């Protein structure tokens, strides 16, 4: 079993004064010998003071850099062999940390807390996460139960290999999970229930929409881009051929639309091929 003295628990926090103190106190009670790090991402409230008062080591950003940037800061500051990342807003139960660590003792490099039915913040977000999980499962060939959960335990040395890949925004869970799969590291899932957050969410509808598109792109480019681009290219070729067949028999000519669809199919295929080579270079030190 993983010892408390080799454990670092990192909580990114921005204006979480309503919950961070109680969260840190509970973690300190359960893991008195663990290192607890709160990364204050440019808060304008008492997040830093309350965290320090509850017994955490506080690392402050002079201004808000994003959730992913806070994760990277915490990973660099952590001294433990195993790092647990969790939210400071009361969504994640510190008692579930033990379950992640127990699972990790089975030889895994990353264990993700998979949110069960009823844990999603809204129906729309739940449907979006279901789509992410399905797409990522197709890309990796492994069953992915929760691609976007921020509650996870990782081996620190292996997680730091991918810090340069992690975005500064909210999609760090997606990026880190796909990077671990691509590198051939072992990933497991442990069912958890996420409670309703305390305080105001920092995620907004417009930003969520952009995030949706970015996560889809990241899923493809971080694992096997050709697996995503090839079906699109084949579909365009099918449309081009179908349209050409229709115009040939109806008006006896090859139209600009067929040419455009064929060209689009070739371009999408070549983009996938180039992306595949770039992705391979990104992981050349881990192959």
C-alpha atoms as a PDB file:
ATOM      1  CA  UNK A   1       0.000   0.000   0.000  1.00  0.00           C
ATOM      2  CA  UNK A   2       1.169   3.548  -0.739  1.00  0.00           C
ATOM      3  CA  UNK A   3       2.515   5.312   2.369  1.00  0.00           C
ATOM      4  CA  UNK A   4       1.210   8.735   3.383  1.00  0.00           C
ATOM      5  CA  UNK A   5       4.770  10.090   3.470  1.00  0.00           C
ATOM      6  CA  UNK A   6       5.191   9.383  -0.263  1.00  0.00           C
ATOM      7  CA  UNK A   7       1.847  10.995  -1.159  1.00  0.00           C
ATOM      8  CA  UNK A   8       1.201  14.517  -2.420  1.00  0.00           C
ATOM      9  CA  UNK A   9      -2.364  15.820  -2.751  1.00  0.00           C
ATOM     10  CA  UNK A  10      -2.761  18.787  -5.091  1.00  0.00           C
ATOM     11  CA  UNK A  11      -5.835  21.008  -5.179  1.00  0.00           C
ATOM     12  CA  UNK A  12      -6.082  23.745  -7.834  1.00  0.00           C
ATOM     13  CA  UNK A  13      -8.243  26.548  -6.445  1.00  0.00           C
ATOM     14  CA  UNK A  14      -9.612  29.834  -7.683  1.00  0.00           C
ATOM     15  CA  UNK A  15     -11.937  31.742  -5.351  1.00  0.00           C
ATOM     16  CA  UNK A  16     -12.861  28.609  -3.399  1.00  0.00           C
ATOM     17  CA  UNK A  17     -12.998  30.206   0.060  1.00  0.00           C
ATOM     18  CA  UNK A  18     -16.411  28.617   0.683  1.00  0.00           C
ATOM     19  CA  UNK A  19     -15.064  25.057   0.562  1.00  0.00           C
ATOM     20  CA  UNK A  20     -11.279  24.847   0.481  1.00  0.00           C
ATOM     21  CA  UNK A  21     -10.689  25.140   4.244  1.00  0.00           C
ATOM     22  CA  UNK A  22     -13.023  22.280   5.139  1.00  0.00           C
ATOM     23  CA  UNK A  23     -11.669  20.162   2.265  1.00  0.00           C
ATOM     24  CA  UNK A  24      -8.065  20.580   3.384  1.00  0.00           C
ATOM     25  CA  UNK A  25      -8.952  19.907   7.031  1.00  0.00           C
ATOM     26  CA  UNK A  26     -10.645  16.636   6.094  1.00  0.00           C
ATOM     27  CA  UNK A  27      -7.683  15.569   3.974  1.00  0.00           C
ATOM     28  CA  UNK A  28      -5.289  16.448   6.805  1.00  0.00           C
ATOM     29  CA  UNK A  29      -7.342  14.340   9.222  1.00  0.00           C
ATOM     30  CA  UNK A  30      -7.292  11.333   6.885  1.00  0.00           C
ATOM     31  CA  UNK A  31      -3.674  11.741   5.749  1.00  0.00           C
ATOM     32  CA  UNK A  32      -1.701  13.521   8.477  1.00  0.00           C
ATOM     33  CA  UNK A  33       1.678  12.665   6.921  1.00  0.00           C
ATOM     34  CA  UNK A  34       0.802  13.487   3.317  1.00  0.00           C
ATOM     35  CA  UNK A  35       1.888  16.653   1.556  1.00  0.00           C
ATOM     36  CA  UNK A  36      -1.131  18.851   0.772  1.00  0.00           C
ATOM     37  CA  UNK A  37      -0.607  21.564  -1.823  1.00  0.00           C
ATOM     38  CA  UNK A  38      -3.208  24.178  -2.732  1.00  0.00           C
ATOM     39  CA  UNK A  39      -2.378  26.103  -5.887  1.00  0.00           C
ATOM     40  CA  UNK A  40      -4.148  29.453  -5.605  1.00  0.00           C
ATOM     41  CA  UNK A  41      -4.808  30.501  -9.191  1.00  0.00           C
ATOM     42  CA  UNK A  42      -5.053  34.249  -8.726  1.00  0.00           C
ATOM     43  CA  UNK A  43      -7.931  34.215  -6.233  1.00  0.00           C
ATOM     44  CA  UNK A  44      -9.455  37.497  -5.106  1.00  0.00           C
ATOM     45  CA  UNK A  45     -10.936  36.050  -1.901  1.00  0.00           C
ATOM     46  CA  UNK A  46      -9.426  34.338   1.171  1.00  0.00           C
ATOM     47  CA  UNK A  47      -8.627  31.032  -0.554  1.00  0.00           C
ATOM     48  CA  UNK A  48      -4.892  31.226   0.184  1.00  0.00           C
ATOM     49  CA  UNK A  49      -5.261  32.208   3.857  1.00  0.00           C
ATOM     50  CA  UNK A  50      -7.913  29.591   4.582  1.00  0.00           C
ATOM     51  CA  UNK A  51      -5.854  26.890   2.878  1.00  0.00           C
ATOM     52  CA  UNK A  52      -2.744  27.751   4.858  1.00  0.00           C
ATOM     53  CA  UNK A  53      -4.729  27.933   8.081  1.00  0.00           C
ATOM     54  CA  UNK A  54      -6.093  24.437   7.467  1.00  0.00           C
ATOM     55  CA  UNK A  55      -2.581  23.035   7.095  1.00  0.00           C
ATOM     56  CA  UNK A  56      -1.855  23.119   3.359  1.00  0.00           C
ATOM     57  CA  UNK A  57       1.241  24.357   1.583  1.00  0.00           C
ATOM     58  CA  UNK A  58       0.026  27.200  -0.619  1.00  0.00           C
ATOM     59  CA  UNK A  59       1.558  28.107  -3.966  1.00  0.00           C
ATOM     60  CA  UNK A  60       0.113  31.311  -5.413  1.00  0.00           C
ATOM     61  CA  UNK A  61      -0.151  32.443  -9.012  1.00  0.00           C
ATOM     62  CA  UNK A  62       0.100  36.255  -9.234  1.00  0.00           C
ATOM     63  CA  UNK A  63      -2.831  36.178 -11.657  1.00  0.00           C
ATOM     64  CA  UNK A  64      -5.233  33.534 -12.978  1.00  0.00           C
ATOM     65  CA  UNK A  65      -3.484  31.226 -15.465  1.00  0.00           C
ATOM     66  CA  UNK A  66      -6.099  28.472 -15.694  1.00  0.00           C
ATOM     67  CA  UNK A  67      -6.889  25.131 -14.089  1.00  0.00           C
ATOM     68  CA  UNK A  68      -4.331  23.251 -16.166  1.00  0.00           C
ATOM     69  CA  UNK A  69      -1.604  25.740 -15.283  1.00  0.00           C
ATOM     70  CA  UNK A  70      -2.426  25.230 -11.589  1.00  0.00           C
ATOM     71  CA  UNK A  71      -2.140  21.462 -12.068  1.00  0.00           C
ATOM     72  CA  UNK A  72       1.287  21.864 -13.656  1.00  0.00           C
ATOM     73  CA  UNK A  73       2.449  24.161 -10.850  1.00  0.00           C
ATOM     74  CA  UNK A  74       1.266  21.638  -8.267  1.00  0.00           C
ATOM     75  CA  UNK A  75       2.929  18.718 -10.072  1.00  0.00           C
ATOM     76  CA  UNK A  76       6.259  20.576 -10.158  1.00  0.00           C
ATOM     77  CA  UNK A  77       6.027  21.497  -6.468  1.00  0.00           C
ATOM     78  CA  UNK A  78       4.963  18.032  -5.258  1.00  0.00           C
ATOM     79  CA  UNK A  79       7.617  15.933  -3.520  1.00  0.00           C
ATOM     80  CA  UNK A  80       5.668  12.660  -3.273  1.00  0.00           C
ATOM     81  CA  UNK A  81       6.091   9.632  -5.524  1.00  0.00           C
ATOM     82  CA  UNK A  82       2.311   9.574  -6.049  1.00  0.00           C
ATOM     83  CA  UNK A  83       0.184  12.665  -6.692  1.00  0.00           C
ATOM     84  CA  UNK A  84      -3.557  12.847  -6.162  1.00  0.00           C
ATOM     85  CA  UNK A  85      -5.304  15.679  -8.002  1.00  0.00           C
ATOM     86  CA  UNK A  86      -8.741  16.712  -6.761  1.00  0.00           C
ATOM     87  CA  UNK A  87     -11.029  19.739  -6.775  1.00  0.00           C
ATOM     88  CA  UNK A  88     -11.118  22.167  -3.872  1.00  0.00           C
ATOM     89  CA  UNK A  89     -14.822  22.977  -4.280  1.00  0.00           C
ATOM     90  CA  UNK A  90     -16.281  20.064  -2.313  1.00  0.00           C
ATOM     91  CA  UNK A  91     -17.198  17.894  -5.313  1.00  0.00           C
ATOM     92  CA  UNK A  92     -14.650  15.201  -4.501  1.00  0.00           C
ATOM     93  CA  UNK A  93     -14.798  13.251  -1.246  1.00  0.00           C
ATOM     94  CA  UNK A  94     -11.344  12.923   0.389  1.00  0.00           C
ATOM     95  CA  UNK A  95     -12.408   9.504   1.689  1.00  0.00           C
ATOM     96  CA  UNK A  96     -12.342   8.259  -1.923  1.00  0.00           C
ATOM     97  CA  UNK A  97      -8.596   8.895  -2.133  1.00  0.00           C
ATOM     98  CA  UNK A  98      -7.976   5.598  -0.345  1.00  0.00           C
ATOM     99  CA  UNK A  99      -9.919   3.736  -3.034  1.00  0.00           C
ATOM    100  CA  UNK A 100      -7.820   5.281  -5.806  1.00  0.00           C
ATOM    101  CA  UNK A 101      -4.595   4.414  -4.002  1.00  0.00           C
ATOM    102  CA  UNK A 102      -5.735   0.856  -3.330  1.00  0.00           C
ATOM    103  CA  UNK A 103      -6.455   0.423  -7.031  1.00  0.00           C
ATOM    104  CA  UNK A 104      -3.091   1.929  -7.959  1.00  0.00           C
ATOM    105  CA  UNK A 105      -1.339  -0.663  -5.775  1.00  0.00           C
ATOM    106  CA  UNK A 106      -2.458  -3.235  -8.343  1.00  0.00           C
ATOM    107  CA  UNK A 107       0.244  -2.014 -10.715  1.00  0.00           C
ATOM    108  CA  UNK A 108      -1.436   0.949 -12.394  1.00  0.00           C
ATOM    109  CA  UNK A 109       0.270   4.212 -13.340  1.00  0.00           C
ATOM    110  CA  UNK A 110      -2.908   6.297 -13.220  1.00  0.00           C
ATOM    111  CA  UNK A 111      -6.254   5.702 -11.504  1.00  0.00           C
ATOM    112  CA  UNK A 112      -9.149   7.993 -12.395  1.00  0.00           C
ATOM    113  CA  UNK A 113     -12.219   8.576 -10.233  1.00  0.00           C
ATOM    114  CA  UNK A 114     -15.055   7.787 -12.654  1.00  0.00           C
ATOM    115  CA  UNK A 115     -18.203   9.773 -11.854  1.00  0.00           C
ATOM    116  CA  UNK A 116     -21.283   7.603 -11.718  1.00  0.00           C
ATOM    117  CA  UNK A 117     -24.818   8.362 -12.917  1.00  0.00           C
ATOM    118  CA  UNK A 118     -26.240  11.423 -11.181  1.00  0.00           C
ATOM    119  CA  UNK A 119     -22.826  12.985 -10.555  1.00  0.00           C
ATOM    120  CA  UNK A 120     -22.770  15.253 -13.627  1.00  0.00           C
ATOM    121  CA  UNK A 121     -23.364  18.966 -13.119  1.00  0.00           C
ATOM    122  CA  UNK A 122     -26.079  19.053 -15.801  1.00  0.00           C
ATOM    123  CA  UNK A 123     -27.773  16.848 -18.390  1.00  0.00           C
ATOM    124  CA  UNK A 124     -25.953  18.611 -21.226  1.00  0.00           C
ATOM    125  CA  UNK A 125     -22.557  18.153 -19.640  1.00  0.00           C
ATOM    126  CA  UNK A 126     -23.360  14.520 -18.891  1.00  0.00           C
ATOM    127  CA  UNK A 127     -24.237  13.895 -22.550  1.00  0.00           C
ATOM    128  CA  UNK A 128     -21.073  15.665 -23.696  1.00  0.00           C
ATOM    129  CA  UNK A 129     -18.917  13.585 -21.351  1.00  0.00           C
ATOM    130  CA  UNK A 130     -20.625  10.435 -22.612  1.00  0.00           C
ATOM    131  CA  UNK A 131     -19.695  11.432 -26.161  1.00  0.00           C
ATOM    132  CA  UNK A 132     -16.073  12.106 -25.117  1.00  0.00           C
ATOM    133  CA  UNK A 133     -15.853   8.716 -23.434  1.00  0.00           C
ATOM    134  CA  UNK A 134     -17.212   6.901 -26.479  1.00  0.00           C
ATOM    135  CA  UNK A 135     -14.894   8.681 -28.889  1.00  0.00           C
ATOM    136  CA  UNK A 136     -11.850   8.103 -26.675  1.00  0.00           C
ATOM    137  CA  UNK A 137     -12.764   4.422 -26.282  1.00  0.00           C
ATOM    138  CA  UNK A 138     -12.861   4.106 -30.090  1.00  0.00           C
ATOM    139  CA  UNK A 139      -9.528   5.904 -30.463  1.00  0.00           C
ATOM    140  CA  UNK A 140      -7.638   3.876 -27.851  1.00  0.00           C
ATOM    141  CA  UNK A 141      -9.360   0.521 -28.115  1.00  0.00           C
ATOM    142  CA  UNK A 142      -9.673   0.588 -24.310  1.00  0.00           C
ATOM    143  CA  UNK A 143     -12.870   1.221 -22.335  1.00  0.00           C
ATOM    144  CA  UNK A 144     -12.744   4.760 -20.964  1.00  0.00           C
ATOM    145  CA  UNK A 145     -15.298   5.407 -18.238  1.00  0.00           C
ATOM    146  CA  UNK A 146     -14.656   9.099 -17.498  1.00  0.00           C
ATOM    147  CA  UNK A 147     -12.282  11.040 -19.724  1.00  0.00           C
ATOM    148  CA  UNK A 148     -12.796  14.459 -18.119  1.00  0.00           C
ATOM    149  CA  UNK A 149     -12.710  13.660 -14.387  1.00  0.00           C
ATOM    150  CA  UNK A 150     -10.240  15.848 -12.497  1.00  0.00           C
ATOM    151  CA  UNK A 151     -10.045  13.415  -9.554  1.00  0.00           C
ATOM    152  CA  UNK A 152      -7.107  11.095 -10.212  1.00  0.00           C
ATOM    153  CA  UNK A 153      -4.031   9.493  -8.685  1.00  0.00           C
ATOM    154  CA  UNK A 154      -0.857   9.320 -10.796  1.00  0.00           C
ATOM    155  CA  UNK A 155       2.743   8.250 -10.480  1.00  0.00           C
ATOM    156  CA  UNK A 156       4.507  11.590 -10.266  1.00  0.00           C
ATOM    157  CA  UNK A 157       7.517  10.717 -12.413  1.00  0.00           C
ATOM    158  CA  UNK A 158       5.375   9.530 -15.312  1.00  0.00           C
ATOM    159  CA  UNK A 159       2.891  12.393 -15.066  1.00  0.00           C
ATOM    160  CA  UNK A 160       5.688  14.971 -15.286  1.00  0.00           C
ATOM    161  CA  UNK A 161       6.784  13.481 -18.620  1.00  0.00           C
ATOM    162  CA  UNK A 162       3.705  15.073 -20.185  1.00  0.00           C
ATOM    163  CA  UNK A 163       3.597  18.472 -18.507  1.00  0.00           C
ATOM    164  CA  UNK A 164       4.659  20.137 -21.760  1.00  0.00           C
ATOM    165  CA  UNK A 165       1.533  18.692 -23.429  1.00  0.00           C
ATOM    166  CA  UNK A 166      -0.973  19.854 -20.823  1.00  0.00           C
ATOM    167  CA  UNK A 167      -3.042  22.944 -21.681  1.00  0.00           C
ATOM    168  CA  UNK A 168      -3.465  25.785 -19.221  1.00  0.00           C
ATOM    169  CA  UNK A 169      -7.253  25.511 -19.396  1.00  0.00           C
ATOM    170  CA  UNK A 170      -9.783  22.939 -18.210  1.00  0.00           C
ATOM    171  CA  UNK A 171      -8.967  20.027 -20.550  1.00  0.00           C
ATOM    172  CA  UNK A 172      -5.905  18.735 -18.680  1.00  0.00           C
ATOM    173  CA  UNK A 173      -7.723  15.467 -17.682  1.00  0.00           C
ATOM    174  CA  UNK A 174      -8.365  14.592 -21.333  1.00  0.00           C
ATOM    175  CA  UNK A 175      -4.804  15.355 -22.377  1.00  0.00           C
ATOM    176  CA  UNK A 176      -3.170  13.448 -19.534  1.00  0.00           C
ATOM    177  CA  UNK A 177      -5.362  10.376 -19.988  1.00  0.00           C
ATOM    178  CA  UNK A 178      -4.737  10.137 -23.740  1.00  0.00           C
ATOM    179  CA  UNK A 179      -1.001  10.747 -23.201  1.00  0.00           C
ATOM    180  CA  UNK A 180      -0.791   7.863 -20.710  1.00  0.00           C
ATOM    181  CA  UNK A 181      -2.590   5.528 -23.115  1.00  0.00           C
ATOM    182  CA  UNK A 182      -0.384   6.597 -26.035  1.00  0.00           C
ATOM    183  CA  UNK A 183       2.775   5.982 -23.988  1.00  0.00           C
ATOM    184  CA  UNK A 184       1.577   2.481 -23.067  1.00  0.00           C
ATOM    185  CA  UNK A 185       1.124   3.214 -19.371  1.00  0.00           C
ATOM    186  CA  UNK A 186      -1.540   1.408 -17.340  1.00  0.00           C
ATOM    187  CA  UNK A 187      -4.745   3.337 -16.608  1.00  0.00           C
ATOM    188  CA  UNK A 188      -7.649   2.166 -14.416  1.00  0.00           C
ATOM    189  CA  UNK A 189     -10.965   3.598 -13.236  1.00  0.00           C
ATOM    190  CA  UNK A 190     -12.561   3.600  -9.803  1.00  0.00           C
ATOM    191  CA  UNK A 191     -16.281   4.483  -9.450  1.00  0.00           C
ATOM    192  CA  UNK A 192     -16.965   7.596  -7.344  1.00  0.00           C
ATOM    193  CA  UNK A 193     -19.857   9.936  -6.681  1.00  0.00           C
ATOM    194  CA  UNK A 194     -19.172  13.627  -7.226  1.00  0.00           C
ATOM    195  CA  UNK A 195     -21.215  15.964  -5.051  1.00  0.00           C
ATOM    196  CA  UNK A 196     -22.589  19.331  -6.115  1.00  0.00           C
ATOM    197  CA  UNK A 197     -19.859  21.932  -5.938  1.00  0.00           C
ATOM    198  CA  UNK A 198     -19.848  24.602  -3.228  1.00  0.00           C
ATOM    199  CA  UNK A 199     -19.722  28.106  -4.665  1.00  0.00           C
ATOM    200  CA  UNK A 200     -19.965  29.378  -8.235  1.00  0.00           C
ATOM    201  CA  UNK A 201     -18.701  27.358 -11.201  1.00  0.00           C
ATOM    202  CA  UNK A 202     -15.935  28.882 -13.341  1.00  0.00           C
ATOM    203  CA  UNK A 203     -17.216  27.134 -16.482  1.00  0.00           C
ATOM    204  CA  UNK A 204     -19.621  28.966 -18.801  1.00  0.00           C
ATOM    205  CA  UNK A 205     -21.840  27.898 -21.682  1.00  0.00           C
ATOM    206  CA  UNK A 206     -19.878  29.643 -24.446  1.00  0.00           C
ATOM    207  CA  UNK A 207     -16.530  28.481 -23.108  1.00  0.00           C
ATOM    208  CA  UNK A 208     -17.954  24.972 -22.702  1.00  0.00           C
ATOM    209  CA  UNK A 209     -18.891  24.948 -26.387  1.00  0.00           C
ATOM    210  CA  UNK A 210     -15.382  25.893 -27.449  1.00  0.00           C
ATOM    211  CA  UNK A 211     -13.994  23.394 -24.938  1.00  0.00           C
ATOM    212  CA  UNK A 212     -16.198  20.698 -26.482  1.00  0.00           C
ATOM    213  CA  UNK A 213     -14.604  21.195 -29.897  1.00  0.00           C
ATOM    214  CA  UNK A 214     -11.085  21.430 -28.493  1.00  0.00           C
ATOM    215  CA  UNK A 215     -11.461  18.216 -26.501  1.00  0.00           C
ATOM    216  CA  UNK A 216     -12.650  16.339 -29.603  1.00  0.00           C
ATOM    217  CA  UNK A 217      -9.608  17.624 -31.494  1.00  0.00           C
ATOM    218  CA  UNK A 218      -7.280  16.694 -28.632  1.00  0.00           C
ATOM    219  CA  UNK A 219      -8.685  13.171 -28.378  1.00  0.00           C
ATOM    220  CA  UNK A 220      -7.813  12.624 -32.021  1.00  0.00           C
ATOM    221  CA  UNK A 221      -4.439  14.309 -32.164  1.00  0.00           C
ATOM    222  CA  UNK A 222      -3.103  12.945 -28.875  1.00  0.00           C
ATOM    223  CA  UNK A 223      -3.590   9.281 -29.653  1.00  0.00           C
ATOM    224  CA  UNK A 224      -4.052   8.212 -33.268  1.00  0.00           C
ATOM    225  CA  UNK A 225      -5.065  11.084 -35.557  1.00  0.00           C
ATOM    226  CA  UNK A 226      -5.428   8.876 -38.633  1.00  0.00           C
ATOM    227  CA  UNK A 227      -8.068   6.847 -36.836  1.00  0.00           C
ATOM    228  CA  UNK A 228     -10.147  10.021 -36.642  1.00  0.00           C
ATOM    229  CA  UNK A 229      -9.309  11.555 -40.025  1.00  0.00           C
ATOM    230  CA  UNK A 230      -9.503   8.388 -42.167  1.00  0.00           C
ATOM    231  CA  UNK A 231     -13.280   7.772 -41.724  1.00  0.00           C
ATOM    232  CA  UNK A 232     -13.926  11.425 -42.642  1.00  0.00           C
ATOM    233  CA  UNK A 233     -11.756  11.083 -45.758  1.00  0.00           C
ATOM    234  CA  UNK A 234     -13.520   7.848 -46.760  1.00  0.00           C
ATOM    235  CA  UNK A 235     -16.900   9.517 -46.277  1.00  0.00           C
ATOM    236  CA  UNK A 236     -15.885  12.422 -48.537  1.00  0.00           C
ATOM    237  CA  UNK A 237     -14.651   9.969 -51.169  1.00  0.00           C
ATOM    238  CA  UNK A 238     -17.964   8.128 -50.960  1.00  0.00           C
ATOM    239  CA  UNK A 239     -19.913  11.386 -51.412  1.00  0.00           C
ATOM    240  CA  UNK A 240     -17.697  12.413 -54.327  1.00  0.00           C
ATOM    241  CA  UNK A 241     -18.131   9.073 -56.084  1.00  0.00           C
ATOM    242  CA  UNK A 242     -21.874   9.023 -55.478  1.00  0.00           C
ATOM    243  CA  UNK A 243     -22.281  12.552 -56.834  1.00  0.00           C
ATOM    244  CA  UNK A 244     -20.092  11.754 -59.826  1.00  0.00           C
ATOM    245  CA  UNK A 245     -22.203   8.663 -60.579  1.00  0.00           C
ATOM    246  CA  UNK A 246     -25.367  10.748 -60.394  1.00  0.00           C
ATOM    247  CA  UNK A 247     -24.088  13.569 -62.625  1.00  0.00           C
ATOM    248  CA  UNK A 248     -22.506  11.152 -65.135  1.00  0.00           C
ATOM    249  CA  UNK A 249     -25.771   9.334 -65.765  1.00  0.00           C
ATOM    250  CA  UNK A 250     -27.973  12.445 -65.593  1.00  0.00           C
ATOM    251  CA  UNK A 251     -25.962  15.071 -67.483  1.00  0.00           C
ATOM    252  CA  UNK A 252     -22.957  13.074 -68.686  1.00  0.00           C
ATOM    253  CA  UNK A 253     -20.217  15.126 -67.060  1.00  0.00           C
ATOM    254  CA  UNK A 254     -17.825  15.376 -64.117  1.00  0.00           C
ATOM    255  CA  UNK A 255     -18.787  18.403 -61.998  1.00  0.00           C
ATOM    256  CA  UNK A 256     -16.879  20.831 -59.821  1.00  0.00           C
ATOM    257  CA  UNK A 257     -18.660  19.470 -56.745  1.00  0.00           C
ATOM    258  CA  UNK A 258     -17.196  16.011 -57.317  1.00  0.00           C
ATOM    259  CA  UNK A 259     -13.756  17.552 -57.773  1.00  0.00           C
ATOM    260  CA  UNK A 260     -14.169  19.543 -54.565  1.00  0.00           C
ATOM    261  CA  UNK A 261     -15.251  16.475 -52.571  1.00  0.00           C
ATOM    262  CA  UNK A 262     -12.403  14.338 -53.933  1.00  0.00           C
ATOM    263  CA  UNK A 263      -9.912  17.114 -53.143  1.00  0.00           C
ATOM    264  CA  UNK A 264     -11.335  17.499 -49.641  1.00  0.00           C
ATOM    265  CA  UNK A 265     -11.012  13.751 -49.049  1.00  0.00           C
ATOM    266  CA  UNK A 266      -7.371  13.749 -50.119  1.00  0.00           C
ATOM    267  CA  UNK A 267      -6.591  16.794 -47.952  1.00  0.00           C
ATOM    268  CA  UNK A 268      -8.255  15.304 -44.866  1.00  0.00           C
ATOM    269  CA  UNK A 269      -6.366  12.029 -45.380  1.00  0.00           C
ATOM    270  CA  UNK A 270      -3.040  13.854 -45.745  1.00  0.00           C
ATOM    271  CA  UNK A 271      -3.776  15.955 -42.645  1.00  0.00           C
ATOM    272  CA  UNK A 272      -4.359  12.748 -40.695  1.00  0.00           C
ATOM    273  CA  UNK A 273      -1.165  11.211 -42.038  1.00  0.00           C
ATOM    274  CA  UNK A 274       0.921  14.260 -41.122  1.00  0.00           C
ATOM    275  CA  UNK A 275      -0.722  14.471 -37.693  1.00  0.00           C
ATOM    276  CA  UNK A 276       0.083  10.797 -37.123  1.00  0.00           C
ATOM    277  CA  UNK A 277       3.777  11.461 -37.758  1.00  0.00           C
ATOM    278  CA  UNK A 278       3.799  14.527 -35.502  1.00  0.00           C
ATOM    279  CA  UNK A 279       2.100  12.560 -32.731  1.00  0.00           C
ATOM    280  CA  UNK A 280       4.707   9.800 -33.044  1.00  0.00           C
ATOM    281  CA  UNK A 281       7.489  12.402 -32.649  1.00  0.00           C
ATOM    282  CA  UNK A 282       5.788  13.827 -29.544  1.00  0.00           C
ATOM    283  CA  UNK A 283       6.074  10.437 -27.822  1.00  0.00           C
ATOM    284  CA  UNK A 284       9.442   9.349 -29.220  1.00  0.00           C
ATOM    285  CA  UNK A 285      11.087   9.440 -25.777  1.00  0.00           C
ATOM    286  CA  UNK A 286       8.387   7.181 -24.322  1.00  0.00           C
ATOM    287  CA  UNK A 287       8.153   4.556 -27.045  1.00  0.00           C
END
